[in-house]
């Protein structure tokens, strides 16, 4: 009789998905794991590969199943991927959008299905389905770039004039405007005073924007600017580049057609090619956004939301997506130069020395 009772109890316990044995940890079966859909824009830029892999690793270590998808920078593909994640029963969505205003329909589907949405690094616009936003302090990114140029040219003391050109990011990326605004709040007073001169005359975001953050497009535009303004021996003293892919395009253009003194050049993301150029003196500074830190913060957000709790945020004023302010967690970016890259990028394990030789 005792054996029958014990066998019955064991059957019940096994049916629940684990076997309780003294001294052993209980184990949750795979079917009980929460599924997190992670939508990333493209594999074409190094940073998104790192973002996606860091996110997947951190979420899996926290016990979640992860459906990670890249959309090859095609909006229709990302729309389809997100819709598939919803139909496949994901419990929460983490989305780094290609175009922040293009996902209205799948976001509506997510809201109807009761699936929370976290916008990752790029704010999802015009949708009340967005629960939280996790990113770096995008305004501060631009501010640090502007301050670097200010210090490198000693603008507070020198009267100039110094020649500068401006290269912004994708017009459909909400972050690009924050980067540009942060930098221009530092640089615009010097432009107004004539200490800085933009010989191309292109100072508005729309004229400086680079579709899809594309290096080739940035290079083409810089080729035109150099041909029209800097082929007569006029020096170009600085180029504000909002990120590394645009910075790489500018550097390629300078190498091909510019003969003056080499300018101060900014960047963002610490892509491997750009860090190599930083060490070689072809790029003056970079902004490091440690995606491991951002991924860890998103995992905390996911856990809080799926536990029915409020996620930790540190900004409830800055990021209005058109339907209201989205509660946001901002990570702080770091300036990287040839003087400190080893400490920040190599000692932290982000890169190895061999990777940037």
Foldseek 3Di string as FASTA:
>chain_A
DVVVVVVVVQVVQVVQPFGDDPPDDTDHDQVPAAEEEEEFAAVPAVLRVVLQVLLCVLLVVVPHHYDYDYQHLDLVSSLVSLQVCVVVPHQEYEYAHSFLARNAVSLVVCVVVVHAYEYEQFHRFDDPRHAAYEHAQLLVLLLVLLVVLCVVVVVVPDQAQAEEAEAFEAPRTPSRVSNLNSNCVNVVVSCVSNSYDHVVPDNDCVSRYDHSLALQSLLVVLLVSCVVPPQVQDDHAEYEHSADSSQNSNLVNCVVGHDYDQYAYEHEDPDLVVVLCLLVVSYFKYKHDPSSVRSNLVSQCVVQVVVVHHGDADDQPDDQRPVHTHGYHHDYIDMDGNVCCCVPCDVVPVDHPVSND
